[in-house]
Amino acid sequence: MSALALRGPARVVVLQHRRVLWITGALALAGIAVLAIGVWWTSGDSDSFADTGCSFRNTSTRCIGAVNDFVDSEIRFNHLLQYAGVAMMVLPAAVGLFVAGPMIGRELEDGTYRLSWSQSVTPNRWLAAKLAVPAVLTVAGVSVLSAVYAWAWSRARGTNYPVQWFEPRVYGAMGPAPVGYALLCLALGALAAVLIRRTLPAMAVTAVAYAAVVLVMNSVRSGLWPMRTDTTAPGREFRYPSEASDVSVGWMTGGGARLDDATCISAGDFDGCMARHGAAAQYVDYHPASHFWPLQLIETGILLVLAAAMVAVAFRVLRRSHG
């Protein structure tokens, strides 16, 4: 977004914070480069390992070194994806803190907003510009970062040490959810700033509120979409679903009642205990990998609704405070 192509308050916002925008863009490009290099490096190690003719089942002395080197490479890439996932989870908080502090909170605290309002810029238009500019840049930047992370994760999915899609650090870095969290934090920062009108307290409230939202969403995520259930008759081989999330295992009676998996663990006669309880099958509740998108879309929808509500409250508070 070029400042020269903008007019009015939006152009002022870009010019005021152009240094931060340049630094943020440079950090985003650096993150993309690190992930791309990680994929390239791991792919090269995989090709080199394939050229040796060794495998994990080959325990010959000749292959021990090659296997160990290949395992180390995959583990390093696994760690890189986890660190990148943490960075993607911190990114929304950084957006909210910037909006709550330097962008809105500081102006309200220092009174510099009066300069804009004295030049035919209404409070609503002033706040709209403060939100629109970071919102557009956030949606564009986080979408690109999320897509790059998903690409890197897909390359690691077939390795011997994959990072599972349902791990919070991975789930929160892919799909539309990171954009939803970033926009929610932007709204949180704006609301905290116009309510508190002091930079540091507004930033602190934004950080605490974001942490609370993450904890709540992590705890309710499994219930956002119906889980799939598989049953296995007693005595038959039981297998956990591949790439399954939120696995819950137990026993089911003939009437459909469920028993905890540990119901007869301590019983001396396990089979007799199962018969007394009427256990007819073992069940497993889980989210398969195909549930990634339904969960993501529902969670993102919730985040966007919360963000819109907070933005509306922020405008209402500003109108009441400054007519």
C-alpha atoms as a PDB file:
ATOM      1  CA  MET A   1       0.000   0.000   0.000  1.00  0.00           C
ATOM      2  CA  SER A   2       1.649   3.224  -1.147  1.00  0.00           C
ATOM      3  CA  ALA A   3       1.170   6.326   0.951  1.00  0.00           C
ATOM      4  CA  LEU A   4       1.094   8.399  -2.228  1.00  0.00           C
ATOM      5  CA  ALA A   5      -1.975   6.504  -3.456  1.00  0.00           C
ATOM      6  CA  LEU A   6      -3.864   7.252  -0.248  1.00  0.00           C
ATOM      7  CA  ARG A   7      -5.573  10.381   0.880  1.00  0.00           C
ATOM      8  CA  GLY A   8      -6.670  11.904   4.137  1.00  0.00           C
ATOM      9  CA  PRO A   9      -6.356  10.065   7.456  1.00  0.00           C
ATOM     10  CA  ALA A  10      -5.307   6.767   5.865  1.00  0.00           C
ATOM     11  CA  ARG A  11      -2.299   8.432   4.234  1.00  0.00           C
ATOM     12  CA  VAL A  12      -1.390  10.055   7.564  1.00  0.00           C
ATOM     13  CA  VAL A  13      -1.513   6.671   9.316  1.00  0.00           C
ATOM     14  CA  VAL A  14       0.854   5.127   6.771  1.00  0.00           C
ATOM     15  CA  LEU A  15       3.268   8.052   6.958  1.00  0.00           C
ATOM     16  CA  GLN A  16       3.220   8.108  10.761  1.00  0.00           C
ATOM     17  CA  HIS A  17       4.071   4.434  11.073  1.00  0.00           C
ATOM     18  CA  ARG A  18       5.997   3.769   7.880  1.00  0.00           C
ATOM     19  CA  ARG A  19       9.115   2.684   9.784  1.00  0.00           C
ATOM     20  CA  VAL A  20       7.183   0.031  11.694  1.00  0.00           C
ATOM     21  CA  LEU A  21       5.513  -1.098   8.472  1.00  0.00           C
ATOM     22  CA  TRP A  22       8.869  -1.484   6.729  1.00  0.00           C
ATOM     23  CA  ILE A  23      10.325  -3.428   9.655  1.00  0.00           C
ATOM     24  CA  THR A  24       7.264  -5.671   9.813  1.00  0.00           C
ATOM     25  CA  GLY A  25       7.441  -6.372   6.095  1.00  0.00           C
ATOM     26  CA  ALA A  26      11.139  -7.202   6.361  1.00  0.00           C
ATOM     27  CA  LEU A  27      10.487  -9.621   9.237  1.00  0.00           C
ATOM     28  CA  ALA A  28       7.702 -11.310   7.258  1.00  0.00           C
ATOM     29  CA  LEU A  29       9.994 -11.771   4.257  1.00  0.00           C
ATOM     30  CA  ALA A  30      12.705 -13.136   6.545  1.00  0.00           C
ATOM     31  CA  GLY A  31      10.261 -15.667   7.989  1.00  0.00           C
ATOM     32  CA  ILE A  32       9.192 -16.776   4.518  1.00  0.00           C
ATOM     33  CA  ALA A  33      12.836 -17.139   3.498  1.00  0.00           C
ATOM     34  CA  VAL A  34      13.664 -19.242   6.568  1.00  0.00           C
ATOM     35  CA  LEU A  35      10.806 -21.651   5.895  1.00  0.00           C
ATOM     36  CA  ALA A  36      11.696 -21.908   2.198  1.00  0.00           C
ATOM     37  CA  ILE A  37      15.340 -22.626   3.050  1.00  0.00           C
ATOM     38  CA  GLY A  38      14.230 -25.238   5.584  1.00  0.00           C
ATOM     39  CA  VAL A  39      12.131 -27.023   2.968  1.00  0.00           C
ATOM     40  CA  TRP A  40      14.937 -26.860   0.405  1.00  0.00           C
ATOM     41  CA  TRP A  41      17.533 -28.133   2.885  1.00  0.00           C
ATOM     42  CA  THR A  42      15.382 -31.023   4.118  1.00  0.00           C
ATOM     43  CA  SER A  43      14.454 -32.026   0.566  1.00  0.00           C
ATOM     44  CA  GLY A  44      18.139 -32.120  -0.319  1.00  0.00           C
ATOM     45  CA  ASP A  45      18.919 -34.305   2.690  1.00  0.00           C
ATOM     46  CA  SER A  46      16.067 -36.627   1.711  1.00  0.00           C
ATOM     47  CA  ASP A  47      17.403 -36.992  -1.827  1.00  0.00           C
ATOM     48  CA  SER A  48      20.906 -37.621  -0.510  1.00  0.00           C
ATOM     49  CA  PHE A  49      19.624 -40.293   1.852  1.00  0.00           C
ATOM     50  CA  ALA A  50      17.711 -41.984  -0.969  1.00  0.00           C
ATOM     51  CA  ASP A  51      20.887 -42.051  -3.073  1.00  0.00           C
ATOM     52  CA  THR A  52      22.709 -44.034  -0.362  1.00  0.00           C
ATOM     53  CA  GLY A  53      20.321 -46.964  -0.768  1.00  0.00           C
ATOM     54  CA  CYS A  54      19.909 -47.173   3.004  1.00  0.00           C
ATOM     55  CA  SER A  55      16.642 -47.384   4.934  1.00  0.00           C
ATOM     56  CA  PHE A  56      15.504 -47.335   8.541  1.00  0.00           C
ATOM     57  CA  ARG A  57      15.292 -51.133   8.491  1.00  0.00           C
ATOM     58  CA  ASN A  58      18.887 -51.462   7.318  1.00  0.00           C
ATOM     59  CA  THR A  59      20.986 -51.752  10.474  1.00  0.00           C
ATOM     60  CA  SER A  60      24.297 -52.356   8.746  1.00  0.00           C
ATOM     61  CA  THR A  61      27.298 -50.392   9.925  1.00  0.00           C
ATOM     62  CA  ARG A  62      27.474 -48.596   6.580  1.00  0.00           C
ATOM     63  CA  CYS A  63      24.002 -47.124   6.986  1.00  0.00           C
ATOM     64  CA  ILE A  64      24.024 -46.121  10.664  1.00  0.00           C
ATOM     65  CA  GLY A  65      25.649 -42.758   9.976  1.00  0.00           C
ATOM     66  CA  ALA A  66      23.386 -41.974   7.013  1.00  0.00           C
ATOM     67  CA  VAL A  67      20.246 -42.870   8.983  1.00  0.00           C
ATOM     68  CA  ASN A  68      21.312 -40.756  11.955  1.00  0.00           C
ATOM     69  CA  ASP A  69      22.062 -37.757   9.732  1.00  0.00           C
ATOM     70  CA  PHE A  70      18.704 -38.067   7.991  1.00  0.00           C
ATOM     71  CA  VAL A  71      16.840 -38.354  11.313  1.00  0.00           C
ATOM     72  CA  ASP A  72      18.634 -35.264  12.629  1.00  0.00           C
ATOM     73  CA  SER A  73      17.628 -33.343   9.510  1.00  0.00           C
ATOM     74  CA  GLU A  74      13.955 -34.260   9.886  1.00  0.00           C
ATOM     75  CA  ILE A  75      13.962 -33.401  13.604  1.00  0.00           C
ATOM     76  CA  ARG A  76      15.533 -30.001  12.888  1.00  0.00           C
ATOM     77  CA  PHE A  77      12.837 -29.260  10.331  1.00  0.00           C
ATOM     78  CA  ASN A  78      10.194 -30.382  12.828  1.00  0.00           C
ATOM     79  CA  HIS A  79      11.579 -27.904  15.362  1.00  0.00           C
ATOM     80  CA  LEU A  80      11.648 -25.157  12.735  1.00  0.00           C
ATOM     81  CA  LEU A  81       7.952 -25.669  12.006  1.00  0.00           C
ATOM     82  CA  GLN A  82       7.115 -25.586  15.703  1.00  0.00           C
ATOM     83  CA  TYR A  83       9.056 -22.339  16.243  1.00  0.00           C
ATOM     84  CA  ALA A  84       7.394 -20.828  13.180  1.00  0.00           C
ATOM     85  CA  GLY A  85       4.010 -21.894  14.545  1.00  0.00           C
ATOM     86  CA  VAL A  86       4.733 -20.136  17.834  1.00  0.00           C
ATOM     87  CA  ALA A  87       5.688 -17.007  15.905  1.00  0.00           C
ATOM     88  CA  MET A  88       2.391 -17.163  14.007  1.00  0.00           C
ATOM     89  CA  MET A  89       0.507 -17.407  17.305  1.00  0.00           C
ATOM     90  CA  VAL A  90       2.391 -14.393  18.697  1.00  0.00           C
ATOM     91  CA  LEU A  91       1.763 -12.331  15.558  1.00  0.00           C
ATOM     92  CA  PRO A  92      -1.905 -11.491  16.366  1.00  0.00           C
ATOM     93  CA  ALA A  93      -0.863 -10.295  19.813  1.00  0.00           C
ATOM     94  CA  ALA A  94       1.750  -8.027  18.222  1.00  0.00           C
ATOM     95  CA  VAL A  95      -0.940  -6.519  15.966  1.00  0.00           C
ATOM     96  CA  GLY A  96      -3.218  -5.858  18.927  1.00  0.00           C
ATOM     97  CA  LEU A  97      -0.455  -4.374  21.058  1.00  0.00           C
ATOM     98  CA  PHE A  98       0.585  -2.032  18.255  1.00  0.00           C
ATOM     99  CA  VAL A  99      -2.993  -0.802  17.736  1.00  0.00           C
ATOM    100  CA  ALA A 100      -3.654  -0.459  21.469  1.00  0.00           C
ATOM    101  CA  GLY A 101      -0.380   1.352  22.057  1.00  0.00           C
ATOM    102  CA  PRO A 102       1.458   3.431  19.431  1.00  0.00           C
ATOM    103  CA  MET A 103      -1.393   3.696  16.949  1.00  0.00           C
ATOM    104  CA  ILE A 104      -4.394   4.737  19.072  1.00  0.00           C
ATOM    105  CA  GLY A 105      -3.592   4.668  22.784  1.00  0.00           C
ATOM    106  CA  ARG A 106      -0.657   7.049  22.607  1.00  0.00           C
ATOM    107  CA  GLU A 107      -2.558   9.632  20.576  1.00  0.00           C
ATOM    108  CA  LEU A 108      -5.473   9.578  23.009  1.00  0.00           C
ATOM    109  CA  GLU A 109      -3.116   9.780  25.971  1.00  0.00           C
ATOM    110  CA  ASP A 110      -0.984  12.619  24.578  1.00  0.00           C
ATOM    111  CA  GLY A 111      -3.886  14.510  23.011  1.00  0.00           C
ATOM    112  CA  THR A 112      -2.332  14.605  19.539  1.00  0.00           C
ATOM    113  CA  TYR A 113      -5.624  13.329  18.086  1.00  0.00           C
ATOM    114  CA  ARG A 114      -6.984  16.882  18.437  1.00  0.00           C
ATOM    115  CA  LEU A 115      -4.761  17.995  15.553  1.00  0.00           C
ATOM    116  CA  SER A 116      -6.530  15.603  13.180  1.00  0.00           C
ATOM    117  CA  TRP A 117      -9.972  16.409  14.512  1.00  0.00           C
ATOM    118  CA  SER A 118      -9.372  20.131  14.057  1.00  0.00           C
ATOM    119  CA  GLN A 119      -8.808  19.604  10.315  1.00  0.00           C
ATOM    120  CA  SER A 120     -12.328  18.487   9.359  1.00  0.00           C
ATOM    121  CA  VAL A 121     -11.637  14.847  10.300  1.00  0.00           C
ATOM    122  CA  THR A 122     -14.452  13.469  12.430  1.00  0.00           C
ATOM    123  CA  PRO A 123     -13.692  11.059  15.311  1.00  0.00           C
ATOM    124  CA  ASN A 124     -15.401   8.233  13.421  1.00  0.00           C
ATOM    125  CA  ARG A 125     -13.334   8.820  10.296  1.00  0.00           C
ATOM    126  CA  TRP A 126     -10.174   9.095  12.388  1.00  0.00           C
ATOM    127  CA  LEU A 127     -10.807   5.742  14.095  1.00  0.00           C
ATOM    128  CA  ALA A 128     -11.890   4.122  10.820  1.00  0.00           C
ATOM    129  CA  ALA A 129      -8.545   5.040   9.239  1.00  0.00           C
ATOM    130  CA  LYS A 130      -6.677   3.770  12.291  1.00  0.00           C
ATOM    131  CA  LEU A 131      -8.402   0.419  11.878  1.00  0.00           C
ATOM    132  CA  ALA A 132      -8.660   0.121   8.088  1.00  0.00           C
ATOM    133  CA  VAL A 133      -4.967   0.515   7.309  1.00  0.00           C
ATOM    134  CA  PRO A 134      -3.678  -2.154   9.717  1.00  0.00           C
ATOM    135  CA  ALA A 135      -6.650  -4.391   8.872  1.00  0.00           C
ATOM    136  CA  VAL A 136      -5.835  -4.424   5.146  1.00  0.00           C
ATOM    137  CA  LEU A 137      -2.131  -4.977   5.756  1.00  0.00           C
ATOM    138  CA  THR A 138      -2.824  -7.634   8.393  1.00  0.00           C
ATOM    139  CA  VAL A 139      -5.180  -9.643   6.199  1.00  0.00           C
ATOM    140  CA  ALA A 140      -2.746  -9.555   3.285  1.00  0.00           C
ATOM    141  CA  GLY A 141       0.384 -10.300   5.314  1.00  0.00           C
ATOM    142  CA  VAL A 142      -1.036 -12.992   7.588  1.00  0.00           C
ATOM    143  CA  SER A 143      -2.724 -14.731   4.648  1.00  0.00           C
ATOM    144  CA  VAL A 144       0.595 -14.997   2.819  1.00  0.00           C
ATOM    145  CA  LEU A 145       2.441 -16.212   5.919  1.00  0.00           C
ATOM    146  CA  SER A 146      -0.266 -18.770   6.635  1.00  0.00           C
ATOM    147  CA  ALA A 147      -0.132 -20.080   3.066  1.00  0.00           C
ATOM    148  CA  VAL A 148       3.665 -20.390   3.186  1.00  0.00           C
ATOM    149  CA  TYR A 149       3.494 -22.208   6.518  1.00  0.00           C
ATOM    150  CA  ALA A 150       0.865 -24.615   5.154  1.00  0.00           C
ATOM    151  CA  TRP A 151       3.114 -25.300   2.156  1.00  0.00           C
ATOM    152  CA  ALA A 152       6.099 -26.027   4.408  1.00  0.00           C
ATOM    153  CA  TRP A 153       3.985 -28.223   6.695  1.00  0.00           C
ATOM    154  CA  SER A 154       2.690 -30.227   3.720  1.00  0.00           C
ATOM    155  CA  ARG A 155       6.289 -30.993   2.744  1.00  0.00           C
ATOM    156  CA  ALA A 156       6.977 -32.309   6.263  1.00  0.00           C
ATOM    157  CA  ARG A 157       3.748 -34.297   6.480  1.00  0.00           C
ATOM    158  CA  GLY A 158       5.254 -37.392   4.872  1.00  0.00           C
ATOM    159  CA  THR A 159       8.415 -37.442   6.984  1.00  0.00           C
ATOM    160  CA  ASN A 160       9.135 -39.901   9.776  1.00  0.00           C
ATOM    161  CA  TYR A 161       8.675 -37.164  12.381  1.00  0.00           C
ATOM    162  CA  PRO A 162       5.661 -35.158  11.164  1.00  0.00           C
ATOM    163  CA  VAL A 163       4.112 -32.251  13.031  1.00  0.00           C
ATOM    164  CA  GLN A 164       0.437 -33.118  13.409  1.00  0.00           C
ATOM    165  CA  TRP A 165      -2.213 -30.748  12.053  1.00  0.00           C
ATOM    166  CA  PHE A 166      -4.139 -30.634  15.330  1.00  0.00           C
ATOM    167  CA  GLU A 167      -1.239 -29.428  17.472  1.00  0.00           C
ATOM    168  CA  PRO A 168      -2.106 -25.869  18.624  1.00  0.00           C
ATOM    169  CA  ARG A 169       1.113 -24.423  17.235  1.00  0.00           C
ATOM    170  CA  VAL A 170       0.359 -25.900  13.813  1.00  0.00           C
ATOM    171  CA  TYR A 171      -3.409 -25.499  13.737  1.00  0.00           C
ATOM    172  CA  GLY A 172      -3.107 -21.833  14.713  1.00  0.00           C
ATOM    173  CA  ALA A 173      -0.632 -21.123  11.919  1.00  0.00           C
ATOM    174  CA  MET A 174      -2.593 -22.476   8.941  1.00  0.00           C
ATOM    175  CA  GLY A 175      -5.891 -21.736   7.245  1.00  0.00           C
ATOM    176  CA  PRO A 176      -8.046 -18.658   7.886  1.00  0.00           C
ATOM    177  CA  ALA A 177      -7.841 -18.885  11.691  1.00  0.00           C
ATOM    178  CA  PRO A 178      -4.606 -16.812  11.953  1.00  0.00           C
ATOM    179  CA  VAL A 179      -6.332 -13.998  10.037  1.00  0.00           C
ATOM    180  CA  GLY A 180      -9.316 -14.223  12.370  1.00  0.00           C
ATOM    181  CA  TYR A 181      -7.120 -14.043  15.451  1.00  0.00           C
ATOM    182  CA  ALA A 182      -5.168 -11.101  14.033  1.00  0.00           C
ATOM    183  CA  LEU A 183      -8.342  -9.127  13.266  1.00  0.00           C
ATOM    184  CA  LEU A 184      -9.752  -9.958  16.688  1.00  0.00           C
ATOM    185  CA  CYS A 185      -6.581  -8.664  18.343  1.00  0.00           C
ATOM    186  CA  LEU A 186      -6.778  -5.524  16.233  1.00  0.00           C
ATOM    187  CA  ALA A 187     -10.325  -4.971  17.502  1.00  0.00           C
ATOM    188  CA  LEU A 188      -9.266  -5.777  21.069  1.00  0.00           C
ATOM    189  CA  GLY A 189      -6.475  -3.223  20.869  1.00  0.00           C
ATOM    190  CA  ALA A 190      -8.783  -0.522  19.511  1.00  0.00           C
ATOM    191  CA  LEU A 191     -11.437  -1.134  22.154  1.00  0.00           C
ATOM    192  CA  ALA A 192      -8.901  -1.199  24.979  1.00  0.00           C
ATOM    193  CA  ALA A 193      -7.330   2.039  23.721  1.00  0.00           C
ATOM    194  CA  VAL A 194     -10.569   4.047  23.480  1.00  0.00           C
ATOM    195  CA  LEU A 195     -11.782   2.723  26.841  1.00  0.00           C
ATOM    196  CA  ILE A 196      -8.594   3.162  28.862  1.00  0.00           C
ATOM    197  CA  ARG A 197      -6.943   6.005  26.886  1.00  0.00           C
ATOM    198  CA  ARG A 198      -3.527   5.130  28.279  1.00  0.00           C
ATOM    199  CA  THR A 199      -0.875   3.310  26.294  1.00  0.00           C
ATOM    200  CA  LEU A 200       0.638   0.726  28.640  1.00  0.00           C
ATOM    201  CA  PRO A 201      -2.578  -0.297  30.445  1.00  0.00           C
ATOM    202  CA  ALA A 202      -4.357  -0.681  27.090  1.00  0.00           C
ATOM    203  CA  MET A 203      -1.549  -2.889  25.782  1.00  0.00           C
ATOM    204  CA  ALA A 204      -1.617  -5.020  28.933  1.00  0.00           C
ATOM    205  CA  VAL A 205      -5.389  -5.513  28.727  1.00  0.00           C
ATOM    206  CA  THR A 206      -5.088  -6.465  25.054  1.00  0.00           C
ATOM    207  CA  ALA A 207      -2.440  -9.095  25.789  1.00  0.00           C
ATOM    208  CA  VAL A 208      -4.436 -10.616  28.660  1.00  0.00           C
ATOM    209  CA  ALA A 209      -7.650 -10.653  26.619  1.00  0.00           C
ATOM    210  CA  TYR A 210      -5.912 -12.361  23.678  1.00  0.00           C
ATOM    211  CA  ALA A 211      -4.432 -15.031  25.966  1.00  0.00           C
ATOM    212  CA  ALA A 212      -7.897 -15.655  27.433  1.00  0.00           C
ATOM    213  CA  VAL A 213      -9.435 -16.028  23.959  1.00  0.00           C
ATOM    214  CA  VAL A 214      -6.744 -18.522  22.905  1.00  0.00           C
ATOM    215  CA  LEU A 215      -7.255 -20.618  26.029  1.00  0.00           C
ATOM    216  CA  VAL A 216     -11.033 -20.655  25.603  1.00  0.00           C
ATOM    217  CA  MET A 217     -10.903 -21.535  21.904  1.00  0.00           C
ATOM    218  CA  ASN A 218      -8.391 -24.330  22.520  1.00  0.00           C
ATOM    219  CA  SER A 219     -10.712 -25.814  25.151  1.00  0.00           C
ATOM    220  CA  VAL A 220     -13.901 -25.684  23.044  1.00  0.00           C
ATOM    221  CA  ARG A 221     -12.422 -26.393  19.605  1.00  0.00           C
ATOM    222  CA  SER A 222     -13.204 -30.118  19.615  1.00  0.00           C
ATOM    223  CA  GLY A 223     -16.904 -29.348  20.073  1.00  0.00           C
ATOM    224  CA  LEU A 224     -17.172 -26.953  17.137  1.00  0.00           C
ATOM    225  CA  TRP A 225     -17.800 -29.818  14.717  1.00  0.00           C
ATOM    226  CA  PRO A 226     -19.251 -33.306  15.373  1.00  0.00           C
ATOM    227  CA  MET A 227     -16.568 -35.909  15.953  1.00  0.00           C
ATOM    228  CA  ARG A 228     -16.499 -39.182  14.070  1.00  0.00           C
ATOM    229  CA  THR A 229     -16.980 -42.443  15.998  1.00  0.00           C
ATOM    230  CA  ASP A 230     -15.543 -45.870  15.150  1.00  0.00           C
ATOM    231  CA  THR A 231     -16.360 -49.055  17.056  1.00  0.00           C
ATOM    232  CA  THR A 232     -14.521 -52.355  17.327  1.00  0.00           C
ATOM    233  CA  ALA A 233     -15.935 -55.583  18.748  1.00  0.00           C
ATOM    234  CA  PRO A 234     -14.109 -57.016  21.794  1.00  0.00           C
ATOM    235  CA  GLY A 235     -11.298 -59.358  20.846  1.00  0.00           C
ATOM    236  CA  ARG A 236     -10.712 -57.781  17.451  1.00  0.00           C
ATOM    237  CA  GLU A 237      -7.640 -55.700  16.654  1.00  0.00           C
ATOM    238  CA  PHE A 238      -8.161 -52.075  17.648  1.00  0.00           C
ATOM    239  CA  ARG A 239      -6.396 -49.357  15.683  1.00  0.00           C
ATOM    240  CA  TYR A 240      -6.251 -45.654  16.350  1.00  0.00           C
ATOM    241  CA  PRO A 241      -7.248 -43.583  13.308  1.00  0.00           C
ATOM    242  CA  SER A 242      -4.323 -42.086  11.411  1.00  0.00           C
ATOM    243  CA  GLU A 243      -3.742 -38.345  11.969  1.00  0.00           C
ATOM    244  CA  ALA A 244      -6.673 -38.239  14.406  1.00  0.00           C
ATOM    245  CA  SER A 245      -7.243 -35.389  16.840  1.00  0.00           C
ATOM    246  CA  ASP A 246      -9.034 -35.362  20.194  1.00  0.00           C
ATOM    247  CA  VAL A 247      -9.068 -39.131  20.473  1.00  0.00           C
ATOM    248  CA  SER A 248     -11.423 -40.369  23.198  1.00  0.00           C
ATOM    249  CA  VAL A 249     -11.519 -44.102  23.830  1.00  0.00           C
ATOM    250  CA  GLY A 250     -13.956 -46.144  25.903  1.00  0.00           C
ATOM    251  CA  TRP A 251     -16.422 -48.999  25.941  1.00  0.00           C
ATOM    252  CA  MET A 252     -19.976 -49.067  24.648  1.00  0.00           C
ATOM    253  CA  THR A 253     -22.789 -51.265  25.919  1.00  0.00           C
ATOM    254  CA  GLY A 254     -25.328 -52.991  23.721  1.00  0.00           C
ATOM    255  CA  GLY A 255     -27.828 -50.246  24.543  1.00  0.00           C
ATOM    256  CA  GLY A 256     -25.438 -47.496  23.414  1.00  0.00           C
ATOM    257  CA  ALA A 257     -24.361 -46.329  26.894  1.00  0.00           C
ATOM    258  CA  ARG A 258     -20.705 -45.387  27.186  1.00  0.00           C
ATOM    259  CA  LEU A 259     -18.197 -46.561  29.774  1.00  0.00           C
ATOM    260  CA  ASP A 260     -14.863 -44.985  30.579  1.00  0.00           C
ATOM    261  CA  ASP A 261     -11.803 -46.734  29.212  1.00  0.00           C
ATOM    262  CA  ALA A 262     -10.533 -47.309  32.769  1.00  0.00           C
ATOM    263  CA  THR A 263     -13.775 -48.885  34.014  1.00  0.00           C
ATOM    264  CA  CYS A 264     -12.322 -52.382  34.444  1.00  0.00           C
ATOM    265  CA  ILE A 265      -8.591 -51.641  34.404  1.00  0.00           C
ATOM    266  CA  SER A 266      -8.134 -52.407  38.112  1.00  0.00           C
ATOM    267  CA  ALA A 267     -10.558 -55.330  38.154  1.00  0.00           C
ATOM    268  CA  GLY A 268      -9.008 -58.742  38.742  1.00  0.00           C
ATOM    269  CA  ASP A 269     -11.338 -60.435  36.235  1.00  0.00           C
ATOM    270  CA  PHE A 270     -11.320 -58.028  33.274  1.00  0.00           C
ATOM    271  CA  ASP A 271     -13.586 -60.129  31.037  1.00  0.00           C
ATOM    272  CA  GLY A 272     -16.042 -60.695  33.855  1.00  0.00           C
ATOM    273  CA  CYS A 273     -16.101 -56.976  34.647  1.00  0.00           C
ATOM    274  CA  MET A 274     -16.822 -56.161  31.013  1.00  0.00           C
ATOM    275  CA  ALA A 275     -19.620 -58.737  30.948  1.00  0.00           C
ATOM    276  CA  ARG A 276     -21.186 -57.331  34.122  1.00  0.00           C
ATOM    277  CA  HIS A 277     -21.231 -53.844  32.591  1.00  0.00           C
ATOM    278  CA  GLY A 278     -22.608 -55.161  29.311  1.00  0.00           C
ATOM    279  CA  ALA A 279     -19.696 -53.882  27.188  1.00  0.00           C
ATOM    280  CA  ALA A 280     -20.308 -54.846  23.584  1.00  0.00           C
ATOM    281  CA  ALA A 281     -17.724 -52.795  21.681  1.00  0.00           C
ATOM    282  CA  GLN A 282     -14.813 -50.431  22.082  1.00  0.00           C
ATOM    283  CA  TYR A 283     -15.320 -46.966  20.627  1.00  0.00           C
ATOM    284  CA  VAL A 284     -13.115 -44.076  19.631  1.00  0.00           C
ATOM    285  CA  ASP A 285     -14.244 -40.476  19.048  1.00  0.00           C
ATOM    286  CA  TYR A 286     -11.945 -38.369  16.905  1.00  0.00           C
ATOM    287  CA  HIS A 287     -11.541 -35.608  14.370  1.00  0.00           C
ATOM    288  CA  PRO A 288      -9.968 -36.924  11.164  1.00  0.00           C
ATOM    289  CA  ALA A 289      -7.729 -34.718   9.068  1.00  0.00           C
ATOM    290  CA  SER A 290     -10.714 -33.927   6.823  1.00  0.00           C
ATOM    291  CA  HIS A 291     -12.279 -31.973   9.717  1.00  0.00           C
ATOM    292  CA  PHE A 292      -9.517 -29.375   9.574  1.00  0.00           C
ATOM    293  CA  TRP A 293     -11.434 -27.017   7.298  1.00  0.00           C
ATOM    294  CA  PRO A 294     -14.835 -27.209   9.047  1.00  0.00           C
ATOM    295  CA  LEU A 295     -13.153 -26.534  12.380  1.00  0.00           C
ATOM    296  CA  GLN A 296     -11.116 -23.684  10.901  1.00  0.00           C
ATOM    297  CA  LEU A 297     -14.078 -22.015   9.213  1.00  0.00           C
ATOM    298  CA  ILE A 298     -16.333 -22.191  12.272  1.00  0.00           C
ATOM    299  CA  GLU A 299     -13.599 -20.909  14.577  1.00  0.00           C
ATOM    300  CA  THR A 300     -12.734 -18.098  12.176  1.00  0.00           C
ATOM    301  CA  GLY A 301     -16.403 -17.138  11.950  1.00  0.00           C
ATOM    302  CA  ILE A 302     -16.613 -16.877  15.740  1.00  0.00           C
ATOM    303  CA  LEU A 303     -13.476 -14.736  15.844  1.00  0.00           C
ATOM    304  CA  LEU A 304     -14.757 -12.388  13.126  1.00  0.00           C
ATOM    305  CA  VAL A 305     -18.113 -11.950  14.874  1.00  0.00           C
ATOM    306  CA  LEU A 306     -16.310 -11.078  18.119  1.00  0.00           C
ATOM    307  CA  ALA A 307     -14.033  -8.672  16.247  1.00  0.00           C
ATOM    308  CA  ALA A 308     -16.969  -6.917  14.571  1.00  0.00           C
ATOM    309  CA  ALA A 309     -18.758  -6.578  17.917  1.00  0.00           C
ATOM    310  CA  MET A 310     -15.681  -5.044  19.549  1.00  0.00           C
ATOM    311  CA  VAL A 311     -15.176  -2.592  16.694  1.00  0.00           C
ATOM    312  CA  ALA A 312     -18.810  -1.514  16.989  1.00  0.00           C
ATOM    313  CA  VAL A 313     -18.391  -0.984  20.737  1.00  0.00           C
ATOM    314  CA  ALA A 314     -15.175   0.986  20.146  1.00  0.00           C
ATOM    315  CA  PHE A 315     -16.961   3.381  17.761  1.00  0.00           C
ATOM    316  CA  ARG A 316     -19.835   3.745  20.221  1.00  0.00           C
ATOM    317  CA  VAL A 317     -17.473   4.557  23.070  1.00  0.00           C
ATOM    318  CA  LEU A 318     -15.659   7.130  20.926  1.00  0.00           C
ATOM    319  CA  ARG A 319     -18.927   8.799  19.931  1.00  0.00           C
ATOM    320  CA  ARG A 320     -20.105   8.997  23.524  1.00  0.00           C
ATOM    321  CA  SER A 321     -16.792  10.439  24.668  1.00  0.00           C
ATOM    322  CA  HIS A 322     -16.365  12.987  21.877  1.00  0.00           C
ATOM    323  CA  GLY A 323     -19.781  13.502  20.309  1.00  0.00           C
END
